Amino acid sequence: MSDTDAVIERILTSYDTITVVGASAATAKAAHAVPAHMQLHGWRIIPVNPHAEVILGEQVYRSISDIPGQVGLVDVFRPAADAPDIARQAVAAGATALWLQLGIVSAEARAIAGSAGLLYVEDRCLIIERRRLGLSAPGPRL
């Protein structure tokens, strides 16, 4: 098992809620289909999108800082150029894990997350990894 595999397994077995930055109301987009799939398998989705009110039946927040309460896992569906700013927002909100979806790679976001002690995954798809590991959402954290 690689270090990345260990981090992926830790994230998927520890977090029951996923804050999705760039979540989309457009059903044909991965930024809708992936969170919908994770929701179907038990994860609570907190969508972040400045242009929608409700996605997947959940209230949408304009930014990570608008989310009330603790933010744990932040999943990113935005271009790689946006990832460093999102990483800074995640750190400021107290997030403990940052996941950049398949095709998104950012050395700067990786460095920001690493220096803040966040679990970090990039260029991986939540659906692919969930299926590969055969997981459903964990129960509520204690």
C-alpha atoms as a PDB file:
ATOM      1  CA  MET A   1       0.000   0.000   0.000  1.00  0.00           C
ATOM      2  CA  SER A   2       1.391   3.399  -0.955  1.00  0.00           C
ATOM      3  CA  ASP A   3       1.378   6.410   1.344  1.00  0.00           C
ATOM      4  CA  THR A   4      -1.340   7.947  -0.858  1.00  0.00           C
ATOM      5  CA  ASP A   5      -3.440   4.788  -0.539  1.00  0.00           C
ATOM      6  CA  ALA A   6      -3.110   4.953   3.239  1.00  0.00           C
ATOM      7  CA  VAL A   7      -4.203   8.605   3.278  1.00  0.00           C
ATOM      8  CA  ILE A   8      -7.146   7.850   0.971  1.00  0.00           C
ATOM      9  CA  GLU A   9      -8.314   4.993   3.178  1.00  0.00           C
ATOM     10  CA  ARG A  10      -7.928   7.130   6.306  1.00  0.00           C
ATOM     11  CA  ILE A  11      -9.983   9.937   4.772  1.00  0.00           C
ATOM     12  CA  LEU A  12     -12.764   7.703   3.472  1.00  0.00           C
ATOM     13  CA  THR A  13     -13.058   5.832   6.774  1.00  0.00           C
ATOM     14  CA  SER A  14     -12.842   8.911   9.027  1.00  0.00           C
ATOM     15  CA  TYR A  15     -15.032  11.613   7.479  1.00  0.00           C
ATOM     16  CA  ASP A  16     -18.804  11.303   7.202  1.00  0.00           C
ATOM     17  CA  THR A  17     -19.230  14.770   5.660  1.00  0.00           C
ATOM     18  CA  ILE A  18     -17.655  16.175   2.493  1.00  0.00           C
ATOM     19  CA  THR A  19     -17.531  19.909   1.781  1.00  0.00           C
ATOM     20  CA  VAL A  20     -17.539  20.128  -2.022  1.00  0.00           C
ATOM     21  CA  VAL A  21     -16.054  23.354  -3.417  1.00  0.00           C
ATOM     22  CA  GLY A  22     -17.310  23.830  -6.959  1.00  0.00           C
ATOM     23  CA  ALA A  23     -20.300  21.515  -6.527  1.00  0.00           C
ATOM     24  CA  SER A  24     -22.598  21.825  -9.537  1.00  0.00           C
ATOM     25  CA  ALA A  25     -26.360  21.670 -10.004  1.00  0.00           C
ATOM     26  CA  ALA A  26     -25.770  20.471 -13.603  1.00  0.00           C
ATOM     27  CA  THR A  27     -26.351  16.723 -13.465  1.00  0.00           C
ATOM     28  CA  ALA A  28     -24.084  16.020 -16.462  1.00  0.00           C
ATOM     29  CA  LYS A  29     -21.016  17.421 -14.666  1.00  0.00           C
ATOM     30  CA  ALA A  30     -18.638  15.382 -12.511  1.00  0.00           C
ATOM     31  CA  ALA A  31     -18.990  18.120  -9.878  1.00  0.00           C
ATOM     32  CA  HIS A  32     -22.595  16.928  -9.485  1.00  0.00           C
ATOM     33  CA  ALA A  33     -22.281  13.208 -10.211  1.00  0.00           C
ATOM     34  CA  VAL A  34     -19.395  12.543  -7.812  1.00  0.00           C
ATOM     35  CA  PRO A  35     -20.994  14.227  -4.769  1.00  0.00           C
ATOM     36  CA  ALA A  36     -24.331  12.561  -5.665  1.00  0.00           C
ATOM     37  CA  HIS A  37     -22.612   9.156  -5.700  1.00  0.00           C
ATOM     38  CA  MET A  38     -20.925   9.813  -2.352  1.00  0.00           C
ATOM     39  CA  GLN A  39     -24.237  11.008  -0.887  1.00  0.00           C
ATOM     40  CA  LEU A  40     -25.899   7.806  -2.122  1.00  0.00           C
ATOM     41  CA  HIS A  41     -23.265   5.843  -0.172  1.00  0.00           C
ATOM     42  CA  GLY A  42     -23.921   7.666   3.082  1.00  0.00           C
ATOM     43  CA  TRP A  43     -21.744  10.770   3.096  1.00  0.00           C
ATOM     44  CA  ARG A  44     -23.332  14.127   3.903  1.00  0.00           C
ATOM     45  CA  ILE A  45     -22.511  16.698   1.228  1.00  0.00           C
ATOM     46  CA  ILE A  46     -22.027  20.405   1.952  1.00  0.00           C
ATOM     47  CA  PRO A  47     -21.992  22.166  -1.431  1.00  0.00           C
ATOM     48  CA  VAL A  48     -19.987  25.370  -1.955  1.00  0.00           C
ATOM     49  CA  ASN A  49     -20.958  27.359  -5.047  1.00  0.00           C
ATOM     50  CA  PRO A  50     -21.566  31.108  -5.370  1.00  0.00           C
ATOM     51  CA  HIS A  51     -24.282  30.615  -8.030  1.00  0.00           C
ATOM     52  CA  ALA A  52     -26.758  28.110  -6.536  1.00  0.00           C
ATOM     53  CA  GLU A  53     -29.137  27.869  -3.591  1.00  0.00           C
ATOM     54  CA  VAL A  54     -29.663  24.098  -3.273  1.00  0.00           C
ATOM     55  CA  ILE A  55     -27.636  21.203  -4.702  1.00  0.00           C
ATOM     56  CA  LEU A  56     -28.436  17.552  -3.984  1.00  0.00           C
ATOM     57  CA  GLY A  57     -31.089  18.691  -1.523  1.00  0.00           C
ATOM     58  CA  GLU A  58     -28.516  20.533   0.590  1.00  0.00           C
ATOM     59  CA  GLN A  59     -28.188  24.240   1.298  1.00  0.00           C
ATOM     60  CA  VAL A  60     -25.369  25.744  -0.740  1.00  0.00           C
ATOM     61  CA  TYR A  61     -22.793  28.047   0.846  1.00  0.00           C
ATOM     62  CA  ARG A  62     -21.043  30.806  -1.077  1.00  0.00           C
ATOM     63  CA  SER A  63     -17.621  30.055   0.426  1.00  0.00           C
ATOM     64  CA  ILE A  64     -15.988  27.721   2.918  1.00  0.00           C
ATOM     65  CA  SER A  65     -15.959  30.519   5.514  1.00  0.00           C
ATOM     66  CA  ASP A  66     -19.786  30.728   5.346  1.00  0.00           C
ATOM     67  CA  ILE A  67     -20.225  27.150   6.576  1.00  0.00           C
ATOM     68  CA  PRO A  68     -21.335  27.039  10.211  1.00  0.00           C
ATOM     69  CA  GLY A  69     -19.531  24.594  12.468  1.00  0.00           C
ATOM     70  CA  GLN A  70     -16.500  22.419  11.895  1.00  0.00           C
ATOM     71  CA  VAL A  71     -15.248  21.748   8.372  1.00  0.00           C
ATOM     72  CA  GLY A  72     -13.368  18.458   8.060  1.00  0.00           C
ATOM     73  CA  LEU A  73     -12.838  17.171   4.517  1.00  0.00           C
ATOM     74  CA  VAL A  74     -12.796  19.680   1.652  1.00  0.00           C
ATOM     75  CA  ASP A  75     -13.144  18.208  -1.856  1.00  0.00           C
ATOM     76  CA  VAL A  76     -12.213  20.485  -4.766  1.00  0.00           C
ATOM     77  CA  PHE A  77     -13.849  20.648  -8.208  1.00  0.00           C
ATOM     78  CA  ARG A  78     -12.177  23.854  -9.380  1.00  0.00           C
ATOM     79  CA  PRO A  79      -9.253  24.498 -11.740  1.00  0.00           C
ATOM     80  CA  ALA A  80      -5.787  23.852 -10.316  1.00  0.00           C
ATOM     81  CA  ALA A  81      -5.085  27.603 -10.372  1.00  0.00           C
ATOM     82  CA  ASP A  82      -7.837  28.046  -7.733  1.00  0.00           C
ATOM     83  CA  ALA A  83      -6.512  25.267  -5.482  1.00  0.00           C
ATOM     84  CA  PRO A  84      -4.009  27.333  -3.428  1.00  0.00           C
ATOM     85  CA  ASP A  85      -6.663  29.871  -2.440  1.00  0.00           C
ATOM     86  CA  ILE A  86      -9.089  27.069  -1.601  1.00  0.00           C
ATOM     87  CA  ALA A  87      -6.361  25.386   0.465  1.00  0.00           C
ATOM     88  CA  ARG A  88      -5.862  28.630   2.418  1.00  0.00           C
ATOM     89  CA  GLN A  89      -9.622  28.912   2.975  1.00  0.00           C
ATOM     90  CA  ALA A  90      -9.770  25.298   4.142  1.00  0.00           C
ATOM     91  CA  VAL A  91      -6.932  25.877   6.612  1.00  0.00           C
ATOM     92  CA  ALA A  92      -8.578  29.070   7.901  1.00  0.00           C
ATOM     93  CA  ALA A  93     -11.853  27.181   8.429  1.00  0.00           C
ATOM     94  CA  GLY A  94     -10.118  24.475  10.459  1.00  0.00           C
ATOM     95  CA  ALA A  95     -10.368  21.723   7.838  1.00  0.00           C
ATOM     96  CA  THR A  96      -8.255  18.654   8.479  1.00  0.00           C
ATOM     97  CA  ALA A  97      -8.224  17.125   4.974  1.00  0.00           C
ATOM     98  CA  LEU A  98      -8.045  18.472   1.425  1.00  0.00           C
ATOM     99  CA  TRP A  99      -8.830  16.379  -1.668  1.00  0.00           C
ATOM    100  CA  LEU A 100      -8.272  17.639  -5.226  1.00  0.00           C
ATOM    101  CA  GLN A 101     -10.336  15.665  -7.719  1.00  0.00           C
ATOM    102  CA  LEU A 102      -9.001  13.739 -10.703  1.00  0.00           C
ATOM    103  CA  GLY A 103      -7.004  15.992 -13.029  1.00  0.00           C
ATOM    104  CA  ILE A 104      -6.331  18.656 -10.393  1.00  0.00           C
ATOM    105  CA  VAL A 105      -2.724  18.971  -9.218  1.00  0.00           C
ATOM    106  CA  SER A 106      -1.205  21.888  -7.316  1.00  0.00           C
ATOM    107  CA  ALA A 107       2.213  21.949  -5.695  1.00  0.00           C
ATOM    108  CA  GLU A 108       1.265  25.185  -3.926  1.00  0.00           C
ATOM    109  CA  ALA A 109      -1.964  23.736  -2.487  1.00  0.00           C
ATOM    110  CA  ARG A 110       0.008  20.630  -1.444  1.00  0.00           C
ATOM    111  CA  ALA A 111       2.547  22.823   0.382  1.00  0.00           C
ATOM    112  CA  ILE A 112      -0.185  24.876   2.103  1.00  0.00           C
ATOM    113  CA  ALA A 113      -2.025  21.743   3.217  1.00  0.00           C
ATOM    114  CA  GLY A 114       1.194  20.053   4.297  1.00  0.00           C
ATOM    115  CA  SER A 115       2.420  22.972   6.376  1.00  0.00           C
ATOM    116  CA  ALA A 116      -0.963  23.084   8.142  1.00  0.00           C
ATOM    117  CA  GLY A 117      -0.929  19.332   8.824  1.00  0.00           C
ATOM    118  CA  LEU A 118      -3.914  18.481   6.603  1.00  0.00           C
ATOM    119  CA  LEU A 119      -4.365  15.061   5.080  1.00  0.00           C
ATOM    120  CA  TYR A 120      -3.908  15.657   1.354  1.00  0.00           C
ATOM    121  CA  VAL A 121      -4.877  13.858  -1.847  1.00  0.00           C
ATOM    122  CA  GLU A 122      -4.664  15.193  -5.394  1.00  0.00           C
ATOM    123  CA  ASP A 123      -5.518  13.926  -8.862  1.00  0.00           C
ATOM    124  CA  ARG A 124      -7.826  11.194  -7.535  1.00  0.00           C
ATOM    125  CA  CYS A 125     -11.575  10.631  -7.885  1.00  0.00           C
ATOM    126  CA  LEU A 126     -13.672   9.954  -4.792  1.00  0.00           C
ATOM    127  CA  ILE A 127     -15.896   7.500  -6.696  1.00  0.00           C
ATOM    128  CA  ILE A 128     -12.974   5.483  -8.061  1.00  0.00           C
ATOM    129  CA  GLU A 129     -11.291   5.301  -4.661  1.00  0.00           C
ATOM    130  CA  ARG A 130     -14.525   4.480  -2.792  1.00  0.00           C
ATOM    131  CA  ARG A 131     -15.252   1.658  -5.222  1.00  0.00           C
ATOM    132  CA  ARG A 132     -11.673   0.379  -5.153  1.00  0.00           C
ATOM    133  CA  LEU A 133     -11.776   0.163  -1.363  1.00  0.00           C
ATOM    134  CA  GLY A 134     -15.405  -0.990  -1.216  1.00  0.00           C
ATOM    135  CA  LEU A 135     -16.364   1.607   1.381  1.00  0.00           C
ATOM    136  CA  SER A 136     -19.499   3.387   2.530  1.00  0.00           C
ATOM    137  CA  ALA A 137     -19.562   6.408   4.785  1.00  0.00           C
ATOM    138  CA  PRO A 138     -18.362   5.839   8.334  1.00  0.00           C
ATOM    139  CA  GLY A 139     -20.705   6.339  11.244  1.00  0.00           C
ATOM    140  CA  PRO A 140     -20.641   9.649  13.078  1.00  0.00           C
ATOM    141  CA  ARG A 141     -17.247  10.517  14.542  1.00  0.00           C
ATOM    142  CA  LEU A 142     -16.911  10.434  18.319  1.00  0.00           C
END
